[in-house]
Every structure is written in structure tokens, then in C-alpha cells.
């Protein structure tokens, strides 16, 4: 599936009702078609060739649905090239402007490489938790949610969490609460 076709589908499947719903659900969103999530998932099912070029093109557009799709494709692509995936998520984290893209990229985008790239993912989290960018701090926390079941990692996770325990940003606080609840 080519970029032109993906964009055509997203435009054709958009609606005023979906646009209003998306804006309500993701208030910090800037550019979006107003397409339901199931449409993005259907497009994902029809992408047979996994290629980082398409991921980068979709991400670069800045459109919510395209970045959501890019994050999901990356999740399928990550086993093909884990190192490229880590470079992309690090780069993409600078562009995040909403919780939905942040959380999808930090979970679905890396899920298949969590074990083989654990050390590198923790390194990214430790770097981004110190960022001035609230979305990178949230991203750092959500990356750790992937490891919440591993009791051996809890001390390290909690040490990273401590760095933002007094963070005043709403979306960082929400991610911190989410992670704390997952660790119970």
C-alpha cells in the first residue's frame, strides 16, 4: 500500500462526527483527518511490505492518523531492524504533541523488541525522562510500562520514576499514576 492510497482512504473515511470525537478525546491534537481508529487498523492489516521509508513519510506529515499508523507499522517492522526502530522512536519522540501517539509509539512501536533491546530502551527512557519536553518525559514513562511485570526491573523503573515525581505537567502526572498502578 502506497502513501497516496493511505491518504486517500483516510480522507474518504473521515467524518465530522469522528473529527469532533478525536478532538475531544485528544485535545492537544493539531492536524487530523477525523478518521476512526478502526480505519487505521484496517489500513495496517493491508500493509504487506514493511518499510521504514513509509513509516518516516507517515510520521513526517504530522497528521494524527498518519503518525498513529506509523507507530503501528513500526511495531511490525521492529523485528526486521531493531536498531533502526530505536533510532526512529528516539527521533519521533521530539515531535509528539499528544498522549495517544506518545502511548502507541511507546508500547506498540517497540513491543516485539522489548526483550532483545531492553538495555537500549531503558537507556532511552533514562535520557528522555530528563527532557524539557513534556511528551518526551511521558514517553520515557510509558516505555517502562512495557516492563511492569518483570519484578527484577522494578527498582530501576522506580528510580527513573522518582525523577518526575514532582512534575507539574498533567500528561506526565497521568503517565506516572498509570505506571504506579501497573507496578502494584
C-alpha atoms as a PDB file:
ATOM      1  CA  UNK A   1       0.000   0.000   0.000  1.00  0.00           C
ATOM      2  CA  UNK A   2       1.395   3.364  -1.030  1.00  0.00           C
ATOM      3  CA  UNK A   3       1.292   6.683   0.798  1.00  0.00           C
ATOM      4  CA  UNK A   4      -1.141   8.196  -1.741  1.00  0.00           C
ATOM      5  CA  UNK A   5      -3.597   5.353  -1.275  1.00  0.00           C
ATOM      6  CA  UNK A   6      -3.358   5.552   2.518  1.00  0.00           C
ATOM      7  CA  UNK A   7      -4.087   9.273   2.443  1.00  0.00           C
ATOM      8  CA  UNK A   8      -6.987   8.773   0.048  1.00  0.00           C
ATOM      9  CA  UNK A   9      -8.552   6.223   2.411  1.00  0.00           C
ATOM     10  CA  UNK A  10      -8.032   8.431   5.463  1.00  0.00           C
ATOM     11  CA  UNK A  11      -9.636  11.411   3.699  1.00  0.00           C
ATOM     12  CA  UNK A  12     -12.545   9.373   2.310  1.00  0.00           C
ATOM     13  CA  UNK A  13     -13.297   7.712   5.643  1.00  0.00           C
ATOM     14  CA  UNK A  14     -13.197  10.925   7.650  1.00  0.00           C
ATOM     15  CA  UNK A  15     -16.357  12.429   9.072  1.00  0.00           C
ATOM     16  CA  UNK A  16     -17.394  15.462  11.035  1.00  0.00           C
ATOM     17  CA  UNK A  17     -18.540  13.253  13.930  1.00  0.00           C
ATOM     18  CA  UNK A  18     -15.206  11.405  14.051  1.00  0.00           C
ATOM     19  CA  UNK A  19     -13.334  14.699  13.840  1.00  0.00           C
ATOM     20  CA  UNK A  20     -15.252  16.106  16.821  1.00  0.00           C
ATOM     21  CA  UNK A  21     -14.728  12.902  18.770  1.00  0.00           C
ATOM     22  CA  UNK A  22     -10.999  12.852  18.036  1.00  0.00           C
ATOM     23  CA  UNK A  23     -10.569  16.465  19.152  1.00  0.00           C
ATOM     24  CA  UNK A  24     -12.464  15.752  22.368  1.00  0.00           C
ATOM     25  CA  UNK A  25     -10.512  12.553  23.084  1.00  0.00           C
ATOM     26  CA  UNK A  26      -7.116  14.037  22.170  1.00  0.00           C
ATOM     27  CA  UNK A  27      -7.376  17.769  22.974  1.00  0.00           C
ATOM     28  CA  UNK A  28      -3.777  18.696  22.088  1.00  0.00           C
ATOM     29  CA  UNK A  29      -4.148  17.393  18.534  1.00  0.00           C
ATOM     30  CA  UNK A  30      -3.295  19.824  15.716  1.00  0.00           C
ATOM     31  CA  UNK A  31      -3.601  18.103  12.318  1.00  0.00           C
ATOM     32  CA  UNK A  32      -6.043  15.263  11.784  1.00  0.00           C
ATOM     33  CA  UNK A  33      -8.449  13.823   9.244  1.00  0.00           C
ATOM     34  CA  UNK A  34     -11.184  12.792  11.632  1.00  0.00           C
ATOM     35  CA  UNK A  35     -10.978   9.087  10.860  1.00  0.00           C
ATOM     36  CA  UNK A  36     -11.945   6.344  13.309  1.00  0.00           C
ATOM     37  CA  UNK A  37      -9.228   4.088  14.750  1.00  0.00           C
ATOM     38  CA  UNK A  38     -10.693   1.010  13.068  1.00  0.00           C
ATOM     39  CA  UNK A  39      -9.881   2.591   9.687  1.00  0.00           C
ATOM     40  CA  UNK A  40      -6.234   2.967  10.688  1.00  0.00           C
ATOM     41  CA  UNK A  41      -6.215  -0.667  11.854  1.00  0.00           C
ATOM     42  CA  UNK A  42      -7.742  -1.834   8.550  1.00  0.00           C
ATOM     43  CA  UNK A  43      -5.047   0.031   6.619  1.00  0.00           C
ATOM     44  CA  UNK A  44      -2.429  -1.598   8.849  1.00  0.00           C
ATOM     45  CA  UNK A  45      -3.785  -5.071   8.003  1.00  0.00           C
ATOM     46  CA  UNK A  46      -3.371  -4.311   4.296  1.00  0.00           C
ATOM     47  CA  UNK A  47       0.260  -3.227   4.506  1.00  0.00           C
ATOM     48  CA  UNK A  48       2.261  -6.213   3.385  1.00  0.00           C
ATOM     49  CA  UNK A  49       5.683  -4.677   2.809  1.00  0.00           C
ATOM     50  CA  UNK A  50       7.248  -3.370   5.984  1.00  0.00           C
ATOM     51  CA  UNK A  51       9.484  -0.490   5.188  1.00  0.00           C
ATOM     52  CA  UNK A  52      10.909   2.273   7.323  1.00  0.00           C
ATOM     53  CA  UNK A  53      10.584   4.766   4.459  1.00  0.00           C
ATOM     54  CA  UNK A  54       6.781   4.586   4.640  1.00  0.00           C
ATOM     55  CA  UNK A  55       6.937   4.901   8.435  1.00  0.00           C
ATOM     56  CA  UNK A  56       9.061   8.034   8.124  1.00  0.00           C
ATOM     57  CA  UNK A  57       6.818   9.566   5.441  1.00  0.00           C
ATOM     58  CA  UNK A  58       3.703   8.984   7.516  1.00  0.00           C
ATOM     59  CA  UNK A  59       5.339  10.389  10.633  1.00  0.00           C
ATOM     60  CA  UNK A  60       6.672  13.469   8.855  1.00  0.00           C
ATOM     61  CA  UNK A  61       3.184  14.539   7.755  1.00  0.00           C
ATOM     62  CA  UNK A  62       2.258  15.483  11.311  1.00  0.00           C
ATOM     63  CA  UNK A  63      -1.284  14.152  10.826  1.00  0.00           C
ATOM     64  CA  UNK A  64      -2.581  12.287  13.849  1.00  0.00           C
ATOM     65  CA  UNK A  65      -3.880   9.265  11.930  1.00  0.00           C
ATOM     66  CA  UNK A  66      -0.704   9.006   9.852  1.00  0.00           C
ATOM     67  CA  UNK A  67       1.506   9.122  12.945  1.00  0.00           C
ATOM     68  CA  UNK A  68      -0.728   6.567  14.643  1.00  0.00           C
ATOM     69  CA  UNK A  69      -0.358   4.299  11.617  1.00  0.00           C
ATOM     70  CA  UNK A  70       3.412   4.916  11.513  1.00  0.00           C
ATOM     71  CA  UNK A  71       3.674   3.845  15.158  1.00  0.00           C
ATOM     72  CA  UNK A  72       1.728   0.662  14.467  1.00  0.00           C
ATOM     73  CA  UNK A  73       3.712  -0.188  11.324  1.00  0.00           C
ATOM     74  CA  UNK A  74       6.891   0.352  13.310  1.00  0.00           C
ATOM     75  CA  UNK A  75       5.633  -2.286  15.726  1.00  0.00           C
ATOM     76  CA  UNK A  76       5.508  -4.763  12.866  1.00  0.00           C
ATOM     77  CA  UNK A  77       8.814  -3.566  11.383  1.00  0.00           C
ATOM     78  CA  UNK A  78      10.812  -3.506  14.613  1.00  0.00           C
ATOM     79  CA  UNK A  79      11.888  -7.163  14.435  1.00  0.00           C
ATOM     80  CA  UNK A  80      13.284  -6.635  10.948  1.00  0.00           C
ATOM     81  CA  UNK A  81      15.565  -3.842  12.112  1.00  0.00           C
ATOM     82  CA  UNK A  82      15.532  -3.261  15.879  1.00  0.00           C
ATOM     83  CA  UNK A  83      18.371  -0.725  15.802  1.00  0.00           C
ATOM     84  CA  UNK A  84      16.656   1.392  13.148  1.00  0.00           C
ATOM     85  CA  UNK A  85      13.458   1.200  15.211  1.00  0.00           C
ATOM     86  CA  UNK A  86      15.228   2.591  18.271  1.00  0.00           C
ATOM     87  CA  UNK A  87      16.710   5.436  16.218  1.00  0.00           C
ATOM     88  CA  UNK A  88      13.262   6.246  14.853  1.00  0.00           C
ATOM     89  CA  UNK A  89      11.482   6.240  18.207  1.00  0.00           C
ATOM     90  CA  UNK A  90      14.159   8.482  19.670  1.00  0.00           C
ATOM     91  CA  UNK A  91      13.789  10.895  16.730  1.00  0.00           C
ATOM     92  CA  UNK A  92       9.989  10.690  16.667  1.00  0.00           C
ATOM     93  CA  UNK A  93       9.758  11.392  20.405  1.00  0.00           C
ATOM     94  CA  UNK A  94      10.774  15.008  19.653  1.00  0.00           C
ATOM     95  CA  UNK A  95       7.659  15.516  17.507  1.00  0.00           C
ATOM     96  CA  UNK A  96       4.996  14.074  19.815  1.00  0.00           C
ATOM     97  CA  UNK A  97       2.223  16.511  20.736  1.00  0.00           C
ATOM     98  CA  UNK A  98      -0.454  14.233  22.196  1.00  0.00           C
ATOM     99  CA  UNK A  99      -0.871  11.344  24.600  1.00  0.00           C
ATOM    100  CA  UNK A 100      -2.361   8.908  22.052  1.00  0.00           C
ATOM    101  CA  UNK A 101       0.600   8.988  19.665  1.00  0.00           C
ATOM    102  CA  UNK A 102       3.006   9.001  22.606  1.00  0.00           C
ATOM    103  CA  UNK A 103       1.479   5.911  24.161  1.00  0.00           C
ATOM    104  CA  UNK A 104       1.069   3.998  20.885  1.00  0.00           C
ATOM    105  CA  UNK A 105       4.667   4.637  19.850  1.00  0.00           C
ATOM    106  CA  UNK A 106       5.995   3.733  23.319  1.00  0.00           C
ATOM    107  CA  UNK A 107       4.016   0.489  23.510  1.00  0.00           C
ATOM    108  CA  UNK A 108       3.014  -0.916  20.128  1.00  0.00           C
ATOM    109  CA  UNK A 109       6.019   0.598  18.359  1.00  0.00           C
ATOM    110  CA  UNK A 110       8.534  -1.431  20.391  1.00  0.00           C
ATOM    111  CA  UNK A 111       6.568  -4.322  21.891  1.00  0.00           C
ATOM    112  CA  UNK A 112       8.239  -7.055  19.820  1.00  0.00           C
ATOM    113  CA  UNK A 113      11.773  -5.954  20.729  1.00  0.00           C
ATOM    114  CA  UNK A 114      11.296  -5.371  24.450  1.00  0.00           C
ATOM    115  CA  UNK A 115      13.397  -8.351  25.473  1.00  0.00           C
ATOM    116  CA  UNK A 116      16.167  -8.105  22.908  1.00  0.00           C
ATOM    117  CA  UNK A 117      16.573  -4.339  23.297  1.00  0.00           C
ATOM    118  CA  UNK A 118      15.748  -3.911  26.991  1.00  0.00           C
ATOM    119  CA  UNK A 119      19.056  -2.266  27.854  1.00  0.00           C
ATOM    120  CA  UNK A 120      18.736   0.223  24.985  1.00  0.00           C
ATOM    121  CA  UNK A 121      15.087   1.006  25.768  1.00  0.00           C
ATOM    122  CA  UNK A 122      15.943   1.722  29.401  1.00  0.00           C
ATOM    123  CA  UNK A 123      18.780   3.959  28.220  1.00  0.00           C
ATOM    124  CA  UNK A 124      16.335   5.934  26.062  1.00  0.00           C
ATOM    125  CA  UNK A 125      13.929   6.206  28.983  1.00  0.00           C
ATOM    126  CA  UNK A 126      16.685   7.440  31.314  1.00  0.00           C
ATOM    127  CA  UNK A 127      17.699  10.112  28.808  1.00  0.00           C
ATOM    128  CA  UNK A 128      14.210  11.302  27.903  1.00  0.00           C
ATOM    129  CA  UNK A 129      12.971  11.462  31.499  1.00  0.00           C
ATOM    130  CA  UNK A 130      15.291  14.484  31.880  1.00  0.00           C
ATOM    131  CA  UNK A 131      13.948  16.281  28.811  1.00  0.00           C
ATOM    132  CA  UNK A 132      12.375  19.728  28.928  1.00  0.00           C
ATOM    133  CA  UNK A 133       9.762  18.356  26.521  1.00  0.00           C
ATOM    134  CA  UNK A 134       6.779  17.045  28.492  1.00  0.00           C
ATOM    135  CA  UNK A 135       5.935  14.482  25.786  1.00  0.00           C
ATOM    136  CA  UNK A 136       9.422  13.006  25.921  1.00  0.00           C
ATOM    137  CA  UNK A 137       9.098  12.663  29.691  1.00  0.00           C
ATOM    138  CA  UNK A 138       5.733  10.960  29.256  1.00  0.00           C
ATOM    139  CA  UNK A 139       7.233   8.766  26.526  1.00  0.00           C
ATOM    140  CA  UNK A 140      10.043   7.758  28.915  1.00  0.00           C
ATOM    141  CA  UNK A 141       7.480   6.625  31.489  1.00  0.00           C
ATOM    142  CA  UNK A 142       5.240   4.799  29.033  1.00  0.00           C
ATOM    143  CA  UNK A 143       8.232   2.878  27.677  1.00  0.00           C
ATOM    144  CA  UNK A 144       8.678   1.493  31.207  1.00  0.00           C
ATOM    145  CA  UNK A 145       5.069   0.305  31.392  1.00  0.00           C
ATOM    146  CA  UNK A 146       6.136  -2.408  28.952  1.00  0.00           C
ATOM    147  CA  UNK A 147       8.310  -3.890  31.711  1.00  0.00           C
ATOM    148  CA  UNK A 148       5.949  -3.594  34.673  1.00  0.00           C
ATOM    149  CA  UNK A 149       5.500  -7.368  35.067  1.00  0.00           C
ATOM    150  CA  UNK A 150       9.221  -8.040  35.456  1.00  0.00           C
ATOM    151  CA  UNK A 151       9.840  -7.827  39.209  1.00  0.00           C
ATOM    152  CA  UNK A 152      13.624  -7.694  38.679  1.00  0.00           C
ATOM    153  CA  UNK A 153      13.257  -4.363  36.864  1.00  0.00           C
ATOM    154  CA  UNK A 154      11.006  -2.621  39.373  1.00  0.00           C
ATOM    155  CA  UNK A 155      13.790  -0.961  41.346  1.00  0.00           C
ATOM    156  CA  UNK A 156      15.268   0.540  38.181  1.00  0.00           C
ATOM    157  CA  UNK A 157      11.818   1.632  36.991  1.00  0.00           C
ATOM    158  CA  UNK A 158      11.094   3.304  40.325  1.00  0.00           C
ATOM    159  CA  UNK A 159      14.429   5.136  40.217  1.00  0.00           C
ATOM    160  CA  UNK A 160      13.528   6.583  36.833  1.00  0.00           C
ATOM    161  CA  UNK A 161      10.038   7.483  38.059  1.00  0.00           C
ATOM    162  CA  UNK A 162      11.469   9.413  41.018  1.00  0.00           C
ATOM    163  CA  UNK A 163      12.937  11.957  38.622  1.00  0.00           C
ATOM    164  CA  UNK A 164       9.459  13.190  37.681  1.00  0.00           C
ATOM    165  CA  UNK A 165       7.521  12.554  40.871  1.00  0.00           C
ATOM    166  CA  UNK A 166       7.006  16.302  41.313  1.00  0.00           C
ATOM    167  CA  UNK A 167       6.434  17.065  37.644  1.00  0.00           C
ATOM    168  CA  UNK A 168       3.597  19.560  37.229  1.00  0.00           C
ATOM    169  CA  UNK A 169       2.649  18.638  33.648  1.00  0.00           C
ATOM    170  CA  UNK A 170      -0.765  16.973  33.511  1.00  0.00           C
ATOM    171  CA  UNK A 171       0.157  14.328  30.939  1.00  0.00           C
ATOM    172  CA  UNK A 172       3.368  13.399  32.746  1.00  0.00           C
ATOM    173  CA  UNK A 173       1.469  13.086  36.033  1.00  0.00           C
ATOM    174  CA  UNK A 174      -1.134  10.859  34.324  1.00  0.00           C
ATOM    175  CA  UNK A 175       1.593   8.567  32.958  1.00  0.00           C
ATOM    176  CA  UNK A 176       3.230   8.424  36.380  1.00  0.00           C
ATOM    177  CA  UNK A 177      -0.071   7.393  38.002  1.00  0.00           C
ATOM    178  CA  UNK A 178      -0.607   4.802  35.259  1.00  0.00           C
ATOM    179  CA  UNK A 179       2.857   3.326  35.805  1.00  0.00           C
ATOM    180  CA  UNK A 180       2.474   3.314  39.598  1.00  0.00           C
ATOM    181  CA  UNK A 181      -0.818   1.450  39.252  1.00  0.00           C
ATOM    182  CA  UNK A 182       0.762  -1.085  36.922  1.00  0.00           C
ATOM    183  CA  UNK A 183       3.521  -1.748  39.457  1.00  0.00           C
ATOM    184  CA  UNK A 184       1.095  -2.628  42.270  1.00  0.00           C
END
